[in-house]
Amino acid sequence: MEILFLEAAMQVLAEFTPDFWRDRHFQTFFESMQHVSFRWLVNSEEYVPHPELTQLRHHVVLVSGRIVGALSCIRLSDVCAQFVKKLEERVSARKETGPRTDQALARTQALKLCAGMRNIVLSFDNDSQMEQSTKFLQRVHPLSYTAAVKKSQIHHALCEMLTDILTPLIRKNQPHSCTGLNSALLADWYNQILRLKNDIGQWANKHNKHILVGYPLVTVLVCLVDKQNYNSLVDSMADFLAKQMKNKEYRSLCFKCLNQLVISSLVRNAAATTSPSVVAWLDKIVKPGLSAARKGGISTQEQQDFIADVADLNPEYCVGSIVSDLLQMDSMDSQLIALRTLHLVATSVPRDSAAALEADGLAPRRSITLTASSASTYSSSSKQMVQLPTGVILDLIRTGHHPFDLQGIAHLLPRVQQQIGQLLLQYHRSLGVYLSFTSDAVPKDRQAHLGLFSAVICLVPFLKPEHWTAVRPLDFLPS
């Protein structure tokens, strides 16, 4: 019953308009939902202690967190005040105020509280929201709350909370892209961002145990600084992360932080993605980062996600520079990443084009937002590309709407056809003689290439095989 109630409440909050607030019944509903959601975030294990109900309890906590996020879109100041009040109650308890078990319980509740706040949304549609967002940053400064024991746990939880809250602003380019905001309020926001960056940066460098939460937050804060400080801080942060990637222990962390810097730069320079300065910056940051990733400590999926973000925001650079280079490497992992990225690009169209095709009846109403893994989707509306089902893409190609044309990279298609043709011919020579690709039919020394061969075959229909010149796949592949 609790789940049904919370899900229904979430639907009501999703329909909110400013007129709702004039109704006292909605105001009462708002206060009640704030009380209920915070109560579940803090006391869920006490309410549902039974191990067999763990999944249901977890679901209730997740929905409660989403409700907090929805409430923050309506009245961020109220949600912030409630959060700070409950956090202070649990953090300010001193050692002498109670037994150790009480202190441990208070600390655990504080950590749960921070985890539940990660869905909070900062808005910048008007001066009031701008002011509330700035005050929120001031009030939840991670170093402002120090527990009596194990104080780093609270600091770390608040850092992770802020990182999750601020990260969506990078792709939205907020408040940088917002218009009509009071310049003094904007200055206050940017000053608070810089203050946080400096404080967390100094704190993270004091002890290695702070690095895992400190570096991501500092990176996000650098991405959100004002225009005057942006270029210099992003460059210095990128250089710092590149140096830190030499340490295998932090390589994966720094790689993800570097990914955020690249996303931020491409979003801020969206109007000049092909300019020489942007390409030069990407060459300086992206290629060395991927080179360091190939040395170990970073999974192929992490590399794939990194490149997928570049493909989403700058498909020309991704296909023309990154994918082209990866296809020429001897590493099978590098080639497989390139082939998967090409499949992603070849089955995706710009969001505006998808909307137009949908209106013309050429695309389905439900499309998949561009992602590196076909098993998952991004819910963020800030993604630039939309991945369409295979059948829809093939129909678009037949009607003259090739994804490369819609993305403005049609001039790269001949080069891609040539590179894929060479790989296809290479693998066909070594594997095309086998009637079956089972482990018994293919020698062990050639089985490693089966995944690559399959990826190449899957790509062929999307690359206009009837127009290939150097290698004509239709001459030797079964129809």
Protein backbone atom coordinates (compact mmCIF):
# COMPACT_ATOMS: atom_id res chain seq x y z
CA MET A 1 0.00 0.00 0.00
CA GLU A 2 2.83 2.38 0.81
CA ILE A 3 4.35 1.87 -2.65
CA LEU A 4 1.02 2.52 -4.38
CA PHE A 5 0.49 5.66 -2.32
CA LEU A 6 3.98 7.03 -3.05
CA GLU A 7 3.75 6.23 -6.76
CA ALA A 8 0.38 7.98 -6.94
CA ALA A 9 1.79 10.99 -5.09
CA MET A 10 4.66 11.08 -7.56
CA GLN A 11 2.15 11.30 -10.42
CA VAL A 12 0.42 14.24 -8.74
CA LEU A 13 3.71 16.09 -8.24
CA ALA A 14 4.68 15.47 -11.85
CA GLU A 15 1.59 17.41 -12.95
CA PHE A 16 2.38 20.45 -10.79
CA THR A 17 1.76 23.92 -12.12
CA PRO A 18 2.14 27.20 -10.17
CA ASP A 19 -1.64 27.39 -9.81
CA PHE A 20 -1.55 24.32 -7.55
CA TRP A 21 0.14 26.31 -4.79
CA ARG A 22 -2.88 28.59 -4.42
CA ASP A 23 -4.91 25.63 -3.15
CA ARG A 24 -4.45 25.04 0.58
CA HIS A 25 -5.17 21.34 0.05
CA PHE A 26 -2.11 21.07 -2.17
CA GLN A 27 -0.02 22.95 0.39
CA THR A 28 -1.08 20.41 3.00
CA PHE A 29 -0.31 17.61 0.54
CA PHE A 30 3.15 19.09 -0.09
CA GLU A 31 3.95 19.23 3.63
CA SER A 32 2.65 15.70 4.16
CA MET A 33 4.71 14.26 1.30
CA GLN A 34 7.81 16.02 2.57
CA HIS A 35 7.26 14.51 6.01
CA VAL A 36 6.54 11.02 4.65
CA SER A 37 9.47 10.92 2.21
CA PHE A 38 12.02 12.11 4.76
CA ARG A 39 10.64 9.67 7.30
CA TRP A 40 11.10 6.73 4.94
CA LEU A 41 14.59 7.82 3.91
CA VAL A 42 15.74 7.92 7.52
CA ASN A 43 13.79 5.07 9.14
CA SER A 44 13.11 2.54 6.38
CA GLU A 45 14.91 -0.35 8.09
CA GLU A 46 13.06 0.28 11.33
CA TYR A 47 9.69 0.31 9.55
CA VAL A 48 10.44 -2.79 7.45
CA PRO A 49 13.07 -4.86 9.30
CA HIS A 50 12.24 -8.20 7.70
CA PRO A 51 15.00 -9.48 5.34
CA GLU A 52 12.49 -11.06 2.95
CA LEU A 53 11.05 -7.58 2.26
CA THR A 54 14.40 -5.96 1.44
CA GLN A 55 13.53 -5.37 -2.22
CA LEU A 56 10.22 -3.72 -1.38
CA ARG A 57 11.89 -1.55 1.25
CA HIS A 58 14.54 -0.53 -1.26
CA HIS A 59 11.83 0.38 -3.76
CA VAL A 60 10.06 2.57 -1.21
CA VAL A 61 13.34 4.37 -0.47
CA LEU A 62 13.96 4.97 -4.18
CA VAL A 63 10.49 6.40 -4.71
CA SER A 64 10.89 8.56 -1.60
CA GLY A 65 14.08 9.98 -3.08
CA ARG A 66 12.29 10.74 -6.33
CA ILE A 67 9.53 12.49 -4.39
CA VAL A 68 12.14 14.67 -2.65
CA GLY A 69 13.44 15.57 -6.11
CA ALA A 70 9.95 16.48 -7.30
CA LEU A 71 9.33 18.54 -4.17
CA SER A 72 12.60 20.42 -4.73
CA CYS A 73 11.36 21.51 -8.16
CA ILE A 74 8.39 23.14 -6.43
CA ARG A 75 9.92 24.63 -3.23
CA LEU A 76 13.64 24.02 -2.98
CA SER A 77 13.95 26.24 0.10
CA ASP A 78 11.50 24.08 2.09
CA VAL A 79 13.26 20.84 1.13
CA CYS A 80 16.65 22.35 1.95
CA ALA A 81 15.49 23.57 5.36
CA GLN A 82 14.06 20.16 6.23
CA PHE A 83 17.23 18.40 5.10
CA VAL A 84 19.54 20.71 7.05
CA LYS A 85 17.39 20.41 10.17
CA LYS A 86 17.41 16.60 10.15
CA LEU A 87 21.10 16.47 9.25
CA GLU A 88 22.10 18.80 12.08
CA GLU A 89 20.06 16.77 14.57
CA ARG A 90 22.09 13.69 13.72
CA VAL A 91 25.51 15.24 13.16
CA SER A 92 25.62 17.63 16.11
CA ALA A 93 25.28 14.85 18.71
CA ARG A 94 28.46 14.85 20.79
CA LYS A 95 30.24 11.83 22.23
CA GLU A 96 29.04 12.49 25.76
CA THR A 97 25.35 12.78 24.85
CA GLY A 98 24.62 9.08 24.54
CA PRO A 99 25.91 5.55 24.15
CA ARG A 100 27.96 4.54 21.15
CA THR A 101 25.00 2.69 19.61
CA ASP A 102 22.99 5.92 19.51
CA GLN A 103 25.86 7.73 17.81
CA ALA A 104 26.18 4.94 15.22
CA LEU A 105 22.44 5.06 14.53
CA ALA A 106 22.48 8.83 14.12
CA ARG A 107 25.45 8.60 11.75
CA THR A 108 23.77 5.85 9.70
CA GLN A 109 20.60 7.91 9.42
CA ALA A 110 22.58 10.94 8.33
CA LEU A 111 24.24 8.92 5.57
CA LYS A 112 20.86 7.62 4.39
CA LEU A 113 19.54 11.16 4.41
CA CYS A 114 22.36 12.37 2.17
CA ALA A 115 21.84 9.46 -0.21
CA GLY A 116 18.15 10.31 -0.49
CA MET A 117 18.85 13.91 -1.50
CA ARG A 118 20.64 13.01 -4.73
CA ASN A 119 17.50 13.60 -6.82
CA ILE A 120 17.23 17.25 -5.78
CA VAL A 121 16.88 19.52 -8.81
CA LEU A 122 18.36 23.02 -8.98
CA SER A 123 16.35 25.30 -11.24
CA PHE A 124 17.21 28.66 -12.81
CA ASP A 125 14.04 29.77 -14.59
CA ASN A 126 13.81 32.99 -12.60
CA ASP A 127 15.63 35.06 -9.99
CA SER A 128 13.84 33.36 -7.10
CA GLN A 129 14.99 29.91 -8.19
CA MET A 130 18.48 31.26 -8.81
CA GLU A 131 18.64 32.64 -5.28
CA GLN A 132 17.30 29.42 -3.75
CA SER A 133 19.88 27.34 -5.65
CA THR A 134 22.71 29.55 -4.39
CA LYS A 135 21.47 29.36 -0.81
CA PHE A 136 21.20 25.59 -1.14
CA LEU A 137 24.90 25.37 -2.08
CA GLN A 138 25.79 27.57 0.87
CA ARG A 139 23.79 25.54 3.36
CA VAL A 140 24.99 22.09 2.27
CA HIS A 141 28.70 22.87 2.11
CA PRO A 142 30.21 19.44 2.93
CA LEU A 143 32.79 20.80 5.37
CA SER A 144 30.18 22.68 7.41
CA TYR A 145 28.99 19.48 9.09
CA THR A 146 31.41 17.57 11.30
CA ALA A 147 30.28 14.53 13.26
CA ALA A 148 31.69 13.67 16.68
CA VAL A 149 33.23 10.44 15.38
CA LYS A 150 34.10 9.22 11.88
CA LYS A 151 33.58 12.75 10.60
CA SER A 152 34.90 11.92 7.14
CA GLN A 153 31.87 9.73 6.45
CA ILE A 154 29.51 12.70 6.58
CA HIS A 155 31.89 14.83 4.50
CA HIS A 156 32.11 12.09 1.87
CA ALA A 157 28.34 11.55 1.78
CA LEU A 158 27.71 15.27 1.26
CA CYS A 159 30.33 15.42 -1.49
CA GLU A 160 28.71 12.51 -3.33
CA MET A 161 25.30 14.11 -2.87
CA LEU A 162 26.44 17.42 -4.33
CA THR A 163 28.20 15.71 -7.23
CA ASP A 164 24.97 13.93 -8.19
CA ILE A 165 22.89 17.10 -7.84
CA LEU A 166 25.25 19.33 -9.83
CA THR A 167 26.26 16.92 -12.62
CA PRO A 168 23.02 17.33 -14.67
CA LEU A 169 23.71 21.08 -14.88
CA ILE A 170 26.76 20.37 -17.07
CA ARG A 171 24.75 18.99 -19.99
CA LYS A 172 21.98 21.52 -19.46
CA ASN A 173 24.63 24.27 -19.46
CA GLN A 174 22.87 25.95 -16.54
CA PRO A 175 22.81 28.62 -15.38
CA HIS A 176 25.32 29.72 -18.04
CA SER A 177 22.76 29.42 -20.86
CA CYS A 178 19.85 30.95 -18.92
CA THR A 179 18.72 34.41 -19.92
CA GLY A 180 17.03 37.22 -18.02
CA LEU A 181 18.62 36.43 -14.65
CA ASN A 182 19.82 39.16 -12.29
CA SER A 183 23.56 39.65 -12.81
CA ALA A 184 24.19 40.11 -9.09
CA LEU A 185 22.48 36.79 -8.30
CA LEU A 186 24.48 35.10 -11.02
CA ALA A 187 27.67 36.52 -9.55
CA ASP A 188 26.71 35.14 -6.13
CA TRP A 189 26.19 31.69 -7.67
CA TYR A 190 29.53 31.68 -9.45
CA ASN A 191 31.32 32.97 -6.34
CA GLN A 192 29.83 30.12 -4.33
CA ILE A 193 30.91 27.62 -7.00
CA LEU A 194 34.48 28.93 -6.85
CA ARG A 195 34.48 28.94 -3.06
CA LEU A 196 33.30 25.34 -2.96
CA LYS A 197 35.86 24.30 -5.57
CA ASN A 198 38.73 25.82 -3.62
CA ASP A 199 37.58 24.43 -0.26
CA ILE A 200 36.97 20.88 -1.52
CA GLY A 201 40.15 20.90 -3.60
CA GLN A 202 42.31 21.81 -0.60
CA TRP A 203 40.49 19.29 1.58
CA ALA A 204 40.82 16.44 -0.95
CA ASN A 205 44.57 17.01 -1.28
CA LYS A 206 45.12 16.74 2.46
CA HIS A 207 44.51 12.99 2.60
CA ASN A 208 44.24 10.21 0.01
CA LYS A 209 41.00 8.93 1.53
CA HIS A 210 39.21 12.08 0.31
CA ILE A 211 40.27 11.67 -3.34
CA LEU A 212 37.49 9.30 -4.43
CA VAL A 213 34.78 11.84 -3.56
CA GLY A 214 36.80 15.06 -3.76
CA TYR A 215 38.06 14.85 -7.35
CA PRO A 216 34.62 14.22 -8.94
CA LEU A 217 33.05 17.13 -7.05
CA VAL A 218 35.90 19.51 -7.89
CA THR A 219 35.63 18.47 -11.54
CA VAL A 220 31.91 19.19 -11.65
CA LEU A 221 32.43 22.55 -9.94
CA VAL A 222 35.12 23.48 -12.49
CA CYS A 223 32.63 22.69 -15.27
CA LEU A 224 30.16 25.15 -13.73
CA VAL A 225 32.40 28.19 -13.22
CA ASP A 226 31.76 31.51 -14.96
CA LYS A 227 32.89 32.26 -18.48
CA GLN A 228 35.87 34.36 -17.40
CA ASN A 229 37.46 31.55 -15.37
CA TYR A 230 36.26 28.60 -17.41
CA ASN A 231 38.98 28.03 -19.99
CA SER A 232 41.92 28.40 -17.62
CA LEU A 233 40.40 26.22 -14.90
CA VAL A 234 39.29 23.48 -17.32
CA ASP A 235 42.75 23.34 -18.90
CA SER A 236 44.52 23.20 -15.55
CA MET A 237 42.09 20.54 -14.27
CA ALA A 238 42.58 18.45 -17.41
CA ASP A 239 46.37 18.63 -17.02
CA PHE A 240 46.06 17.67 -13.36
CA LEU A 241 43.85 14.67 -14.15
CA ALA A 242 46.17 13.54 -16.94
CA LYS A 243 49.06 13.47 -14.48
CA GLN A 244 47.00 11.62 -11.89
CA MET A 245 46.11 8.95 -14.45
CA LYS A 246 49.71 7.74 -14.27
CA ASN A 247 48.73 6.30 -10.89
CA LYS A 248 46.81 3.11 -11.71
CA GLU A 249 44.90 3.32 -8.43
CA TYR A 250 43.11 6.51 -9.49
CA ARG A 251 43.16 6.01 -13.26
CA SER A 252 39.51 5.01 -13.61
CA LEU A 253 38.36 7.85 -11.35
CA CYS A 254 40.37 10.47 -13.24
CA PHE A 255 39.20 9.06 -16.57
CA LYS A 256 35.57 9.60 -15.55
CA CYS A 257 36.40 13.11 -14.36
CA LEU A 258 38.10 13.81 -17.69
CA ASN A 259 34.93 12.62 -19.37
CA GLN A 260 32.95 15.31 -17.53
CA LEU A 261 35.39 17.99 -18.66
CA VAL A 262 35.03 16.88 -22.28
CA ILE A 263 31.22 16.89 -22.03
CA SER A 264 31.30 20.35 -20.49
CA SER A 265 33.62 21.76 -23.14
CA LEU A 266 31.55 20.32 -26.01
CA VAL A 267 28.32 21.65 -24.50
CA ARG A 268 29.71 25.13 -23.98
CA ASN A 269 31.20 25.16 -27.49
CA ALA A 270 28.20 23.55 -29.17
CA ALA A 271 28.07 26.28 -31.81
CA ALA A 272 31.69 25.68 -32.86
CA THR A 273 32.26 21.93 -32.59
CA THR A 274 34.25 21.81 -35.83
CA SER A 275 36.36 24.91 -35.21
CA PRO A 276 40.14 24.36 -35.23
CA SER A 277 40.46 25.47 -31.60
CA VAL A 278 37.87 22.94 -30.38
CA VAL A 279 39.42 20.13 -32.44
CA ALA A 280 42.88 21.01 -31.14
CA TRP A 281 41.61 20.96 -27.55
CA LEU A 282 39.97 17.57 -28.08
CA ASP A 283 43.17 16.20 -29.63
CA LYS A 284 45.08 17.42 -26.59
CA ILE A 285 42.67 15.95 -24.02
CA VAL A 286 40.75 13.04 -25.51
CA LYS A 287 43.39 11.08 -27.39
CA PRO A 288 45.98 11.05 -24.56
CA GLY A 289 43.21 10.12 -22.14
CA LEU A 290 42.13 7.15 -24.26
CA SER A 291 45.76 6.16 -24.73
CA ALA A 292 46.26 6.10 -20.95
CA ALA A 293 43.03 4.11 -20.58
CA ARG A 294 44.38 1.38 -22.83
CA LYS A 295 47.30 0.85 -20.46
CA GLY A 296 44.98 -0.88 -17.99
CA GLY A 297 42.82 -0.12 -15.00
CA ILE A 298 39.90 1.06 -17.13
CA SER A 299 37.32 -1.33 -18.57
CA THR A 300 36.32 -1.38 -22.21
CA GLN A 301 32.80 -0.36 -21.16
CA GLU A 302 34.15 2.76 -19.45
CA GLN A 303 36.07 3.62 -22.62
CA GLN A 304 32.94 2.94 -24.66
CA ASP A 305 30.86 5.27 -22.48
CA PHE A 306 33.48 8.01 -22.79
CA ILE A 307 33.49 7.79 -26.60
CA ALA A 308 29.68 7.56 -26.72
CA ASP A 309 29.45 10.92 -24.97
CA VAL A 310 31.77 12.44 -27.57
CA ALA A 311 29.67 10.84 -30.33
CA ASP A 312 26.53 12.35 -28.87
CA LEU A 313 27.91 15.89 -28.78
CA ASN A 314 30.38 15.89 -31.68
CA PRO A 315 29.84 12.94 -34.07
CA GLU A 316 32.21 14.39 -36.66
CA TYR A 317 35.19 14.38 -34.32
CA CYS A 318 34.22 11.02 -32.88
CA VAL A 319 33.94 9.22 -36.23
CA GLY A 320 36.62 11.16 -38.09
CA SER A 321 39.30 11.07 -35.40
CA ILE A 322 38.60 8.64 -32.55
CA VAL A 323 36.90 5.77 -34.38
CA SER A 324 39.16 6.06 -37.41
CA ASP A 325 42.25 5.76 -35.21
CA LEU A 326 40.85 2.85 -33.18
CA LEU A 327 40.03 0.84 -36.31
CA GLN A 328 43.68 1.04 -37.40
CA MET A 329 45.00 -0.36 -34.14
CA ASP A 330 46.03 -3.99 -33.67
CA SER A 331 44.21 -4.25 -30.35
CA MET A 332 40.99 -6.26 -30.70
CA ASP A 333 39.46 -4.35 -27.77
CA SER A 334 40.11 -1.04 -29.53
CA GLN A 335 38.59 -2.30 -32.77
CA LEU A 336 35.54 -3.66 -30.97
CA ILE A 337 34.99 -0.32 -29.20
CA ALA A 338 35.23 1.43 -32.57
CA LEU A 339 32.76 -0.95 -34.22
CA ARG A 340 30.24 -0.61 -31.39
CA THR A 341 30.56 3.18 -31.55
CA LEU A 342 30.02 3.13 -35.31
CA HIS A 343 26.90 1.03 -34.84
CA LEU A 344 25.70 3.55 -32.28
CA VAL A 345 26.27 6.50 -34.62
CA ALA A 346 24.87 4.68 -37.66
CA THR A 347 21.59 3.94 -35.88
CA SER A 348 21.11 7.37 -34.28
CA VAL A 349 19.72 10.69 -35.46
CA PRO A 350 19.66 14.17 -33.92
CA ARG A 351 16.80 14.70 -31.48
CA ASP A 352 15.27 17.44 -33.66
CA SER A 353 15.38 15.15 -36.70
CA ALA A 354 13.79 12.33 -34.72
CA ALA A 355 10.92 14.65 -33.76
CA ALA A 356 10.44 15.68 -37.40
CA LEU A 357 10.55 12.06 -38.60
CA GLU A 358 8.06 11.12 -35.89
CA ALA A 359 5.72 13.84 -37.09
CA ASP A 360 6.01 12.49 -40.65
CA GLY A 361 5.30 8.96 -39.44
CA LEU A 362 8.80 7.73 -40.33
CA ALA A 363 9.96 7.13 -36.75
CA PRO A 364 8.26 5.51 -33.76
CA ARG A 365 7.00 7.65 -30.90
CA ARG A 366 9.24 5.90 -28.43
CA SER A 367 12.93 6.04 -29.27
CA ILE A 368 16.05 5.16 -27.33
CA THR A 369 18.31 7.97 -26.22
CA LEU A 370 21.88 7.56 -27.43
CA THR A 371 23.85 5.33 -25.05
CA ALA A 372 26.91 3.17 -25.21
CA SER A 373 25.11 0.04 -24.08
CA SER A 374 22.08 -1.32 -25.88
CA ALA A 375 20.91 -2.81 -22.60
CA SER A 376 20.36 0.53 -20.92
CA THR A 377 18.92 3.95 -21.76
CA TYR A 378 19.51 7.48 -20.59
CA SER A 379 16.47 9.27 -19.23
CA SER A 380 18.13 12.67 -19.54
CA SER A 381 16.45 14.90 -22.12
CA SER A 382 19.72 16.76 -22.61
CA LYS A 383 21.11 14.05 -24.89
CA GLN A 384 21.53 15.31 -28.43
CA MET A 385 21.10 12.03 -30.34
CA VAL A 386 18.30 9.48 -30.35
CA GLN A 387 18.92 5.85 -31.25
CA LEU A 388 16.16 4.33 -33.38
CA PRO A 389 15.27 0.63 -33.87
CA THR A 390 17.16 -1.22 -36.59
CA GLY A 391 14.12 -1.62 -38.86
CA VAL A 392 13.33 2.08 -38.68
CA ILE A 393 16.91 3.05 -39.54
CA LEU A 394 16.98 0.73 -42.55
CA ASP A 395 13.68 2.20 -43.77
CA LEU A 396 15.12 5.70 -43.38
CA ILE A 397 18.21 4.73 -45.38
CA ARG A 398 16.01 3.32 -48.18
CA THR A 399 14.07 6.59 -48.34
CA GLY A 400 17.24 8.69 -48.50
CA HIS A 401 17.44 9.75 -44.85
CA HIS A 402 20.79 8.26 -43.84
CA PRO A 403 21.81 8.98 -40.21
CA PHE A 404 25.18 10.29 -41.39
CA ASP A 405 23.35 12.84 -43.56
CA LEU A 406 21.10 13.90 -40.68
CA GLN A 407 24.12 14.30 -38.38
CA GLY A 408 26.05 16.31 -40.98
CA ILE A 409 28.85 13.77 -41.39
CA ALA A 410 27.97 12.27 -44.79
CA HIS A 411 31.45 13.18 -46.05
CA LEU A 412 32.92 10.64 -43.61
CA LEU A 413 30.91 7.71 -45.01
CA PRO A 414 33.36 6.76 -47.83
CA ARG A 415 36.25 6.56 -45.35
CA VAL A 416 34.18 4.43 -42.97
CA GLN A 417 33.12 2.16 -45.84
CA GLN A 418 36.75 1.67 -46.82
CA GLN A 419 37.93 0.84 -43.30
CA ILE A 420 35.04 -1.52 -42.58
CA GLY A 421 35.52 -3.14 -45.99
CA GLN A 422 39.16 -3.89 -45.20
CA LEU A 423 38.21 -5.45 -41.86
CA LEU A 424 35.41 -7.43 -43.48
CA LEU A 425 37.75 -8.83 -46.11
CA GLN A 426 40.39 -9.63 -43.48
CA TYR A 427 38.02 -11.56 -41.24
CA HIS A 428 36.21 -13.20 -44.14
CA ARG A 429 39.50 -14.71 -45.29
CA SER A 430 40.16 -16.26 -41.88
CA LEU A 431 36.61 -17.12 -40.78
CA GLY A 432 34.43 -17.17 -43.89
CA VAL A 433 35.32 -20.78 -44.70
CA TYR A 434 33.50 -22.09 -41.62
CA LEU A 435 29.88 -23.14 -41.98
CA SER A 436 29.38 -22.86 -38.22
CA PHE A 437 30.87 -20.53 -35.61
CA THR A 438 30.60 -22.92 -32.65
CA SER A 439 33.62 -23.58 -30.46
CA ASP A 440 33.96 -27.01 -32.02
CA ALA A 441 33.96 -25.73 -35.59
CA VAL A 442 36.43 -22.82 -35.25
CA PRO A 443 40.02 -23.36 -34.05
CA LYS A 444 40.83 -21.77 -30.69
CA ASP A 445 43.41 -19.40 -32.17
CA ARG A 446 40.68 -17.82 -34.33
CA GLN A 447 37.77 -17.80 -31.89
CA ALA A 448 38.83 -14.45 -30.43
CA HIS A 449 38.03 -12.80 -33.78
CA LEU A 450 34.45 -14.05 -33.93
CA GLY A 451 33.10 -11.08 -31.94
CA LEU A 452 34.80 -8.62 -34.27
CA PHE A 453 33.62 -10.44 -37.37
CA SER A 454 30.05 -10.41 -36.03
CA ALA A 455 30.28 -6.68 -35.24
CA VAL A 456 31.51 -5.94 -38.76
CA ILE A 457 28.72 -8.00 -40.35
CA CYS A 458 26.11 -6.17 -38.24
CA LEU A 459 27.42 -2.82 -39.46
CA VAL A 460 27.34 -3.55 -43.18
CA PRO A 461 23.59 -2.91 -43.81
CA PHE A 462 23.82 0.60 -42.32
CA LEU A 463 26.76 1.70 -44.50
CA LYS A 464 25.19 1.46 -47.99
CA PRO A 465 27.08 -1.71 -49.03
CA GLU A 466 25.80 -1.45 -52.61
CA HIS A 467 27.89 1.73 -53.05
CA TRP A 468 31.22 0.41 -51.75
CA THR A 469 34.07 0.59 -54.25
CA ALA A 470 37.28 -1.04 -52.97
CA VAL A 471 35.51 -4.00 -51.33
CA ARG A 472 32.05 -5.12 -52.42
CA PRO A 473 30.56 -7.15 -49.55
CA LEU A 474 27.55 -8.24 -51.58
CA ASP A 475 29.85 -10.16 -53.93
CA PHE A 476 31.04 -12.63 -51.32
CA LEU A 477 28.61 -12.46 -48.37
CA PRO A 478 25.45 -14.60 -48.42
CA SER A 479 22.40 -12.56 -49.45
